[in-house]
Amino acid sequence: MHCEYTPEGVCPSKLEFDLDGDVVTNIKFTDGCDGNLKALSAVVNGMTVSQIEQYFSNITCGSNTTSCSMQLAHAVREKYNELNA
């Protein structure tokens, strides 16, 4: 299932990914730090929702209380829960 999410408190304006069960693939950020977000997307491609949460839920960016990776963790959990409610 293709999912879209609007991140909060970070540079990217949109986050897209596919969920197949609990496996996340085809992650794409719109706007933000292009190289870093491509790297993050490549690293998490094929991970489960739980794995992404485990590694990325508590990472902040500078003085912000969130980060692109934390927003990704929130997004995949939120969409997974919506699809499996």
PDB file of N, CA and C in Angstrom:
ATOM      1  N   MET A   1       0.846  -1.169   0.000  1.00  0.00           N
ATOM      2  CA  MET A   1       0.000   0.000   0.000  1.00  0.00           C
ATOM      3  C   MET A   1       0.894   1.235   0.000  1.00  0.00           C
ATOM      4  N   HIS A   2       0.624   2.145  -0.902  1.00  0.00           N
ATOM      5  CA  HIS A   2       1.371   3.399  -0.976  1.00  0.00           C
ATOM      6  C   HIS A   2       0.818   4.360   0.074  1.00  0.00           C
ATOM      7  N   CYS A   3       1.708   4.995   0.824  1.00  0.00           N
ATOM      8  CA  CYS A   3       1.308   5.897   1.905  1.00  0.00           C
ATOM      9  C   CYS A   3       1.976   7.255   1.727  1.00  0.00           C
ATOM     10  N   GLU A   4       1.265   8.296   2.157  1.00  0.00           N
ATOM     11  CA  GLU A   4       1.807   9.651   2.180  1.00  0.00           C
ATOM     12  C   GLU A   4       1.623  10.218   3.579  1.00  0.00           C
ATOM     13  N   TYR A   5       2.577  11.032   4.001  1.00  0.00           N
ATOM     14  CA  TYR A   5       2.571  11.594   5.349  1.00  0.00           C
ATOM     15  C   TYR A   5       3.151  13.000   5.273  1.00  0.00           C
ATOM     16  N   THR A   6       2.583  13.918   6.034  1.00  0.00           N
ATOM     17  CA  THR A   6       3.110  15.279   6.122  1.00  0.00           C
ATOM     18  C   THR A   6       3.894  15.406   7.425  1.00  0.00           C
ATOM     19  N   PRO A   7       5.222  15.467   7.345  1.00  0.00           N
ATOM     20  CA  PRO A   7       6.032  15.574   8.554  1.00  0.00           C
ATOM     21  C   PRO A   7       5.856  16.929   9.238  1.00  0.00           C
ATOM     22  N   GLU A   8       6.120  16.955  10.532  1.00  0.00           N
ATOM     23  CA  GLU A   8       6.007  18.188  11.317  1.00  0.00           C
ATOM     24  C   GLU A   8       7.351  18.543  11.929  1.00  0.00           C
ATOM     25  N   GLY A   9       7.701  19.827  11.865  1.00  0.00           N
ATOM     26  CA  GLY A   9       8.891  20.321  12.545  1.00  0.00           C
ATOM     27  C   GLY A   9      10.210  20.009  11.856  1.00  0.00           C
ATOM     28  N   VAL A  10      10.152  19.598  10.584  1.00  0.00           N
ATOM     29  CA  VAL A  10      11.371  19.284   9.830  1.00  0.00           C
ATOM     30  C   VAL A  10      11.296  19.928   8.445  1.00  0.00           C
ATOM     31  N   CYS A  11      12.388  19.898   7.719  1.00  0.00           N
ATOM     32  CA  CYS A  11      12.448  20.547   6.400  1.00  0.00           C
ATOM     33  C   CYS A  11      11.604  19.872   5.318  1.00  0.00           C
ATOM     34  N   PRO A  12      11.577  18.537   5.234  1.00  0.00           N
ATOM     35  CA  PRO A  12      10.766  17.919   4.180  1.00  0.00           C
ATOM     36  C   PRO A  12       9.283  18.272   4.312  1.00  0.00           C
ATOM     37  N   SER A  13       8.646  18.520   3.178  1.00  0.00           N
ATOM     38  CA  SER A  13       7.223  18.872   3.176  1.00  0.00           C
ATOM     39  C   SER A  13       6.327  17.653   2.994  1.00  0.00           C
ATOM     40  N   LYS A  14       6.923  16.547   2.567  1.00  0.00           N
ATOM     41  CA  LYS A  14       6.127  15.345   2.311  1.00  0.00           C
ATOM     42  C   LYS A  14       7.019  14.118   2.415  1.00  0.00           C
ATOM     43  N   LEU A  15       6.409  13.020   2.848  1.00  0.00           N
ATOM     44  CA  LEU A  15       7.093  11.743   2.972  1.00  0.00           C
ATOM     45  C   LEU A  15       6.198  10.686   2.350  1.00  0.00           C
ATOM     46  N   GLU A  16       6.763   9.880   1.467  1.00  0.00           N
ATOM     47  CA  GLU A  16       6.009   8.806   0.824  1.00  0.00           C
ATOM     48  C   GLU A  16       6.753   7.494   1.010  1.00  0.00           C
ATOM     49  N   PHE A  17       5.999   6.403   1.121  1.00  0.00           N
ATOM     50  CA  PHE A  17       6.605   5.081   1.252  1.00  0.00           C
ATOM     51  C   PHE A  17       5.542   4.030   0.969  1.00  0.00           C
ATOM     52  N   ASP A  18       6.008   2.813   0.756  1.00  0.00           N
ATOM     53  CA  ASP A  18       5.105   1.686   0.566  1.00  0.00           C
ATOM     54  C   ASP A  18       5.189   0.780   1.779  1.00  0.00           C
ATOM     55  N   LEU A  19       4.039   0.245   2.174  1.00  0.00           N
ATOM     56  CA  LEU A  19       3.958  -0.726   3.262  1.00  0.00           C
ATOM     57  C   LEU A  19       3.436  -2.038   2.696  1.00  0.00           C
ATOM     58  N   ASP A  20       4.193  -3.102   2.894  1.00  0.00           N
ATOM     59  CA  ASP A  20       3.764  -4.446   2.525  1.00  0.00           C
ATOM     60  C   ASP A  20       3.782  -5.253   3.809  1.00  0.00           C
ATOM     61  N   GLY A  21       2.616  -5.374   4.441  1.00  0.00           N
ATOM     62  CA  GLY A  21       2.577  -5.922   5.796  1.00  0.00           C
ATOM     63  C   GLY A  21       3.215  -4.893   6.707  1.00  0.00           C
ATOM     64  N   ASP A  22       4.321  -5.302   7.365  1.00  0.00           N
ATOM     65  CA  ASP A  22       5.035  -4.338   8.211  1.00  0.00           C
ATOM     66  C   ASP A  22       6.392  -3.951   7.616  1.00  0.00           C
ATOM     67  N   VAL A  23       6.610  -4.274   6.346  1.00  0.00           N
ATOM     68  CA  VAL A  23       7.879  -3.958   5.681  1.00  0.00           C
ATOM     69  C   VAL A  23       7.736  -2.661   4.883  1.00  0.00           C
ATOM     70  N   VAL A  24       8.697  -1.761   5.085  1.00  0.00           N
ATOM     71  CA  VAL A  24       8.674  -0.434   4.476  1.00  0.00           C
ATOM     72  C   VAL A  24       9.663  -0.395   3.303  1.00  0.00           C
ATOM     73  N   THR A  25       9.185   0.081   2.151  1.00  0.00           N
ATOM     74  CA  THR A  25      10.035   0.206   0.965  1.00  0.00           C
ATOM     75  C   THR A  25       9.707   1.506   0.230  1.00  0.00           C
ATOM     76  N   ASN A  26      10.523   1.821  -0.751  1.00  0.00           N
ATOM     77  CA  ASN A  26      10.292   2.961  -1.651  1.00  0.00           C
ATOM     78  C   ASN A  26      10.068   4.279  -0.919  1.00  0.00           C
ATOM     79  N   ILE A  27      10.939   4.579   0.035  1.00  0.00           N
ATOM     80  CA  ILE A  27      10.819   5.790   0.837  1.00  0.00           C
ATOM     81  C   ILE A  27      11.292   6.985   0.014  1.00  0.00           C
ATOM     82  N   LYS A  28      10.508   8.054   0.045  1.00  0.00           N
ATOM     83  CA  LYS A  28      10.873   9.266  -0.697  1.00  0.00           C
ATOM     84  C   LYS A  28      10.469  10.495   0.110  1.00  0.00           C
ATOM     85  N   PHE A  29      11.436  11.359   0.365  1.00  0.00           N
ATOM     86  CA  PHE A  29      11.187  12.635   1.017  1.00  0.00           C
ATOM     87  C   PHE A  29      11.119  13.716  -0.051  1.00  0.00           C
ATOM     88  N   THR A  30      10.218  14.670   0.102  1.00  0.00           N
ATOM     89  CA  THR A  30      10.152  15.841  -0.771  1.00  0.00           C
ATOM     90  C   THR A  30      10.705  17.023   0.009  1.00  0.00           C
ATOM     91  N   ASP A  31      11.717  17.676  -0.548  1.00  0.00           N
ATOM     92  CA  ASP A  31      12.431  18.789   0.083  1.00  0.00           C
ATOM     93  C   ASP A  31      13.341  18.252   1.192  1.00  0.00           C
ATOM     94  N   GLY A  32      14.089  19.131   1.811  1.00  0.00           N
ATOM     95  CA  GLY A  32      15.010  18.725   2.867  1.00  0.00           C
ATOM     96  C   GLY A  32      16.418  18.485   2.334  1.00  0.00           C
ATOM     97  N   CYS A  33      17.264  17.887   3.142  1.00  0.00           N
ATOM     98  CA  CYS A  33      18.674  17.624   2.815  1.00  0.00           C
ATOM     99  C   CYS A  33      18.764  16.411   1.896  1.00  0.00           C
ATOM    100  N   ASP A  34      18.855  16.657   0.614  1.00  0.00           N
ATOM    101  CA  ASP A  34      18.738  15.618  -0.406  1.00  0.00           C
ATOM    102  C   ASP A  34      19.632  14.406  -0.155  1.00  0.00           C
ATOM    103  N   GLY A  35      20.918  14.621   0.019  1.00  0.00           N
ATOM    104  CA  GLY A  35      21.850  13.504   0.197  1.00  0.00           C
ATOM    105  C   GLY A  35      21.573  12.703   1.454  1.00  0.00           C
ATOM    106  N   ASN A  36      21.373  13.396   2.569  1.00  0.00           N
ATOM    107  CA  ASN A  36      21.103  12.705   3.831  1.00  0.00           C
ATOM    108  C   ASN A  36      19.805  11.912   3.770  1.00  0.00           C
ATOM    109  N   LEU A  37      18.789  12.481   3.144  1.00  0.00           N
ATOM    110  CA  LEU A  37      17.497  11.794   3.084  1.00  0.00           C
ATOM    111  C   LEU A  37      17.528  10.619   2.116  1.00  0.00           C
ATOM    112  N   LYS A  38      18.316  10.726   1.053  1.00  0.00           N
ATOM    113  CA  LYS A  38      18.501   9.570   0.168  1.00  0.00           C
ATOM    114  C   LYS A  38      19.218   8.450   0.915  1.00  0.00           C
ATOM    115  N   ALA A  39      20.208   8.805   1.727  1.00  0.00           N
ATOM    116  CA  ALA A  39      20.938   7.805   2.510  1.00  0.00           C
ATOM    117  C   ALA A  39      20.016   7.145   3.532  1.00  0.00           C
ATOM    118  N   LEU A  40      19.241   7.948   4.261  1.00  0.00           N
ATOM    119  CA  LEU A  40      18.291   7.402   5.231  1.00  0.00           C
ATOM    120  C   LEU A  40      17.313   6.462   4.541  1.00  0.00           C
ATOM    121  N   SER A  41      16.796   6.875   3.400  1.00  0.00           N
ATOM    122  CA  SER A  41      15.842   6.055   2.654  1.00  0.00           C
ATOM    123  C   SER A  41      16.462   4.730   2.235  1.00  0.00           C
ATOM    124  N   ALA A  42      17.714   4.758   1.800  1.00  0.00           N
ATOM    125  CA  ALA A  42      18.395   3.528   1.384  1.00  0.00           C
ATOM    126  C   ALA A  42      18.634   2.596   2.566  1.00  0.00           C
ATOM    127  N   VAL A  43      19.001   3.161   3.710  1.00  0.00           N
ATOM    128  CA  VAL A  43      19.282   2.350   4.897  1.00  0.00           C
ATOM    129  C   VAL A  43      18.025   1.644   5.396  1.00  0.00           C
ATOM    130  N   VAL A  44      16.904   2.336   5.441  1.00  0.00           N
ATOM    131  CA  VAL A  44      15.690   1.741   6.022  1.00  0.00           C
ATOM    132  C   VAL A  44      14.889   0.913   5.022  1.00  0.00           C
ATOM    133  N   ASN A  45      15.212   0.988   3.747  1.00  0.00           N
ATOM    134  CA  ASN A  45      14.462   0.237   2.739  1.00  0.00           C
ATOM    135  C   ASN A  45      14.495  -1.261   3.070  1.00  0.00           C
ATOM    136  N   GLY A  46      13.324  -1.853   3.242  1.00  0.00           N
ATOM    137  CA  GLY A  46      13.225  -3.270   3.581  1.00  0.00           C
ATOM    138  C   GLY A  46      13.143  -3.555   5.066  1.00  0.00           C
ATOM    139  N   MET A  47      13.288  -2.537   5.912  1.00  0.00           N
ATOM    140  CA  MET A  47      13.142  -2.725   7.360  1.00  0.00           C
ATOM    141  C   MET A  47      11.666  -2.824   7.725  1.00  0.00           C
ATOM    142  N   THR A  48      11.407  -3.393   8.888  1.00  0.00           N
ATOM    143  CA  THR A  48      10.044  -3.432   9.406  1.00  0.00           C
ATOM    144  C   THR A  48       9.753  -2.136  10.149  1.00  0.00           C
ATOM    145  N   VAL A  49       8.481  -1.910  10.390  1.00  0.00           N
ATOM    146  CA  VAL A  49       8.055  -0.740  11.159  1.00  0.00           C
ATOM    147  C   VAL A  49       8.757  -0.731  12.516  1.00  0.00           C
ATOM    148  N   SER A  50       8.795  -1.864  13.196  1.00  0.00           N
ATOM    149  CA  SER A  50       9.426  -1.948  14.523  1.00  0.00           C
ATOM    150  C   SER A  50      10.918  -1.657  14.471  1.00  0.00           C
ATOM    151  N   GLN A  51      11.591  -2.141  13.441  1.00  0.00           N
ATOM    152  CA  GLN A  51      13.024  -1.865  13.313  1.00  0.00           C
ATOM    153  C   GLN A  51      13.278  -0.373  13.121  1.00  0.00           C
ATOM    154  N   ILE A  52      12.488   0.260  12.284  1.00  0.00           N
ATOM    155  CA  ILE A  52      12.651   1.702  12.058  1.00  0.00           C
ATOM    156  C   ILE A  52      12.419   2.456  13.360  1.00  0.00           C
ATOM    157  N   GLU A  53      11.385   2.084  14.104  1.00  0.00           N
ATOM    158  CA  GLU A  53      11.135   2.727  15.402  1.00  0.00           C
ATOM    159  C   GLU A  53      12.307   2.510  16.351  1.00  0.00           C
ATOM    160  N   GLN A  54      12.808   1.292  16.399  1.00  0.00           N
ATOM    161  CA  GLN A  54      13.901   0.957  17.313  1.00  0.00           C
ATOM    162  C   GLN A  54      15.128   1.831  17.067  1.00  0.00           C
ATOM    163  N   TYR A  55      15.480   2.019  15.814  1.00  0.00           N
ATOM    164  CA  TYR A  55      16.697   2.752  15.484  1.00  0.00           C
ATOM    165  C   TYR A  55      16.528   4.266  15.406  1.00  0.00           C
ATOM    166  N   PHE A  56      15.335   4.749  15.062  1.00  0.00           N
ATOM    167  CA  PHE A  56      15.211   6.158  14.695  1.00  0.00           C
ATOM    168  C   PHE A  56      14.218   6.982  15.506  1.00  0.00           C
ATOM    169  N   SER A  57      13.480   6.389  16.443  1.00  0.00           N
ATOM    170  CA  SER A  57      12.447   7.152  17.154  1.00  0.00           C
ATOM    171  C   SER A  57      12.963   8.230  18.084  1.00  0.00           C
ATOM    172  N   ASN A  58      14.170   8.111  18.563  1.00  0.00           N
ATOM    173  CA  ASN A  58      14.657   9.064  19.567  1.00  0.00           C
ATOM    174  C   ASN A  58      15.761   9.977  19.056  1.00  0.00           C
ATOM    175  N   ILE A  59      15.876  10.123  17.754  1.00  0.00           N
ATOM    176  CA  ILE A  59      16.919  10.984  17.189  1.00  0.00           C
ATOM    177  C   ILE A  59      16.343  12.380  16.952  1.00  0.00           C
ATOM    178  N   THR A  60      17.035  13.378  17.478  1.00  0.00           N
ATOM    179  CA  THR A  60      16.617  14.760  17.259  1.00  0.00           C
ATOM    180  C   THR A  60      17.617  15.436  16.327  1.00  0.00           C
ATOM    181  N   CYS A  61      17.268  16.616  15.846  1.00  0.00           N
ATOM    182  CA  CYS A  61      18.123  17.367  14.924  1.00  0.00           C
ATOM    183  C   CYS A  61      18.389  18.742  15.530  1.00  0.00           C
ATOM    184  N   GLY A  62      19.635  18.984  15.878  1.00  0.00           N
ATOM    185  CA  GLY A  62      19.984  20.264  16.484  1.00  0.00           C
ATOM    186  C   GLY A  62      19.182  20.495  17.752  1.00  0.00           C
ATOM    187  N   SER A  63      18.593  21.675  17.873  1.00  0.00           N
ATOM    188  CA  SER A  63      17.801  21.998  19.063  1.00  0.00           C
ATOM    189  C   SER A  63      16.337  21.591  18.906  1.00  0.00           C
ATOM    190  N   ASN A  64      15.982  21.011  17.761  1.00  0.00           N
ATOM    191  CA  ASN A  64      14.600  20.558  17.544  1.00  0.00           C
ATOM    192  C   ASN A  64      14.297  19.340  18.407  1.00  0.00           C
ATOM    193  N   THR A  65      13.029  19.139  18.668  1.00  0.00           N
ATOM    194  CA  THR A  65      12.613  17.969  19.439  1.00  0.00           C
ATOM    195  C   THR A  65      12.292  16.789  18.536  1.00  0.00           C
ATOM    196  N   THR A  66      12.533  16.934  17.242  1.00  0.00           N
ATOM    197  CA  THR A  66      12.279  15.864  16.283  1.00  0.00           C
ATOM    198  C   THR A  66      13.362  15.888  15.212  1.00  0.00           C
ATOM    199  N   SER A  67      13.255  15.000  14.247  1.00  0.00           N
ATOM    200  CA  SER A  67      14.190  14.936  13.120  1.00  0.00           C
ATOM    201  C   SER A  67      13.486  14.243  11.965  1.00  0.00           C
ATOM    202  N   CYS A  68      14.118  14.243  10.818  1.00  0.00           N
ATOM    203  CA  CYS A  68      13.539  13.543   9.660  1.00  0.00           C
ATOM    204  C   CYS A  68      13.395  12.053   9.950  1.00  0.00           C
ATOM    205  N   SER A  69      14.403  11.469  10.593  1.00  0.00           N
ATOM    206  CA  SER A  69      14.321  10.039  10.895  1.00  0.00           C
ATOM    207  C   SER A  69      13.243   9.748  11.934  1.00  0.00           C
ATOM    208  N   MET A  70      13.073  10.630  12.909  1.00  0.00           N
ATOM    209  CA  MET A  70      12.008  10.444  13.894  1.00  0.00           C
ATOM    210  C   MET A  70      10.642  10.584  13.234  1.00  0.00           C
ATOM    211  N   GLN A  71      10.515  11.534  12.325  1.00  0.00           N
ATOM    212  CA  GLN A  71       9.250  11.701  11.606  1.00  0.00           C
ATOM    213  C   GLN A  71       8.949  10.477  10.748  1.00  0.00           C
ATOM    214  N   LEU A  72       9.972   9.878  10.156  1.00  0.00           N
ATOM    215  CA  LEU A  72       9.782   8.642   9.404  1.00  0.00           C
ATOM    216  C   LEU A  72       9.267   7.539  10.322  1.00  0.00           C
ATOM    217  N   ALA A  73       9.862   7.402  11.494  1.00  0.00           N
ATOM    218  CA  ALA A  73       9.415   6.382  12.452  1.00  0.00           C
ATOM    219  C   ALA A  73       7.959   6.608  12.852  1.00  0.00           C
ATOM    220  N   HIS A  74       7.590   7.860  13.103  1.00  0.00           N
ATOM    221  CA  HIS A  74       6.192   8.175  13.443  1.00  0.00           C
ATOM    222  C   HIS A  74       5.270   7.857  12.273  1.00  0.00           C
ATOM    223  N   ALA A  75       5.697   8.223  11.073  1.00  0.00           N
ATOM    224  CA  ALA A  75       4.865   8.033   9.880  1.00  0.00           C
ATOM    225  C   ALA A  75       4.575   6.566   9.622  1.00  0.00           C
ATOM    226  N   VAL A  76       5.613   5.729   9.661  1.00  0.00           N
ATOM    227  CA  VAL A  76       5.391   4.315   9.341  1.00  0.00           C
ATOM    228  C   VAL A  76       4.522   3.643  10.397  1.00  0.00           C
ATOM    229  N   ARG A  77       4.697   4.033  11.664  1.00  0.00           N
ATOM    230  CA  ARG A  77       3.856   3.454  12.722  1.00  0.00           C
ATOM    231  C   ARG A  77       2.412   3.907  12.560  1.00  0.00           C
ATOM    232  N   GLU A  78       2.210   5.199  12.323  1.00  0.00           N
ATOM    233  CA  GLU A  78       0.853   5.731  12.175  1.00  0.00           C
ATOM    234  C   GLU A  78       0.121   5.050  11.015  1.00  0.00           C
ATOM    235  N   LYS A  79       0.770   4.963   9.874  1.00  0.00           N
ATOM    236  CA  LYS A  79       0.122   4.359   8.703  1.00  0.00           C
ATOM    237  C   LYS A  79      -0.090   2.862   8.899  1.00  0.00           C
ATOM    238  N   TYR A  80       0.866   2.178   9.514  1.00  0.00           N
ATOM    239  CA  TYR A  80       0.710   0.747   9.798  1.00  0.00           C
ATOM    240  C   TYR A  80      -0.503   0.524  10.706  1.00  0.00           C
ATOM    241  N   ASN A  81      -0.610   1.335  11.758  1.00  0.00           N
ATOM    242  CA  ASN A  81      -1.740   1.200  12.683  1.00  0.00           C
ATOM    243  C   ASN A  81      -3.069   1.484  11.991  1.00  0.00           C
ATOM    244  N   GLU A  82      -3.098   2.500  11.122  1.00  0.00           N
ATOM    245  CA  GLU A  82      -4.330   2.814  10.384  1.00  0.00           C
ATOM    246  C   GLU A  82      -4.754   1.643   9.498  1.00  0.00           C
ATOM    247  N   LEU A  83      -3.793   1.021   8.844  1.00  0.00           N
ATOM    248  CA  LEU A  83      -4.097  -0.075   7.923  1.00  0.00           C
ATOM    249  C   LEU A  83      -4.456  -1.372   8.644  1.00  0.00           C
ATOM    250  N   ASN A  84      -4.081  -1.474   9.915  1.00  0.00           N
ATOM    251  CA  ASN A  84      -4.310  -2.709  10.664  1.00  0.00           C
ATOM    252  C   ASN A  84      -5.248  -2.516  11.845  1.00  0.00           C
ATOM    253  N   ALA A  85      -6.057  -1.469  11.797  1.00  0.00           N
ATOM    254  CA  ALA A  85      -6.998  -1.183  12.896  1.00  0.00           C
ATOM    255  C   ALA A  85      -8.192  -2.121  12.838  1.00  0.00           C
TER     256      ALA A  85
END
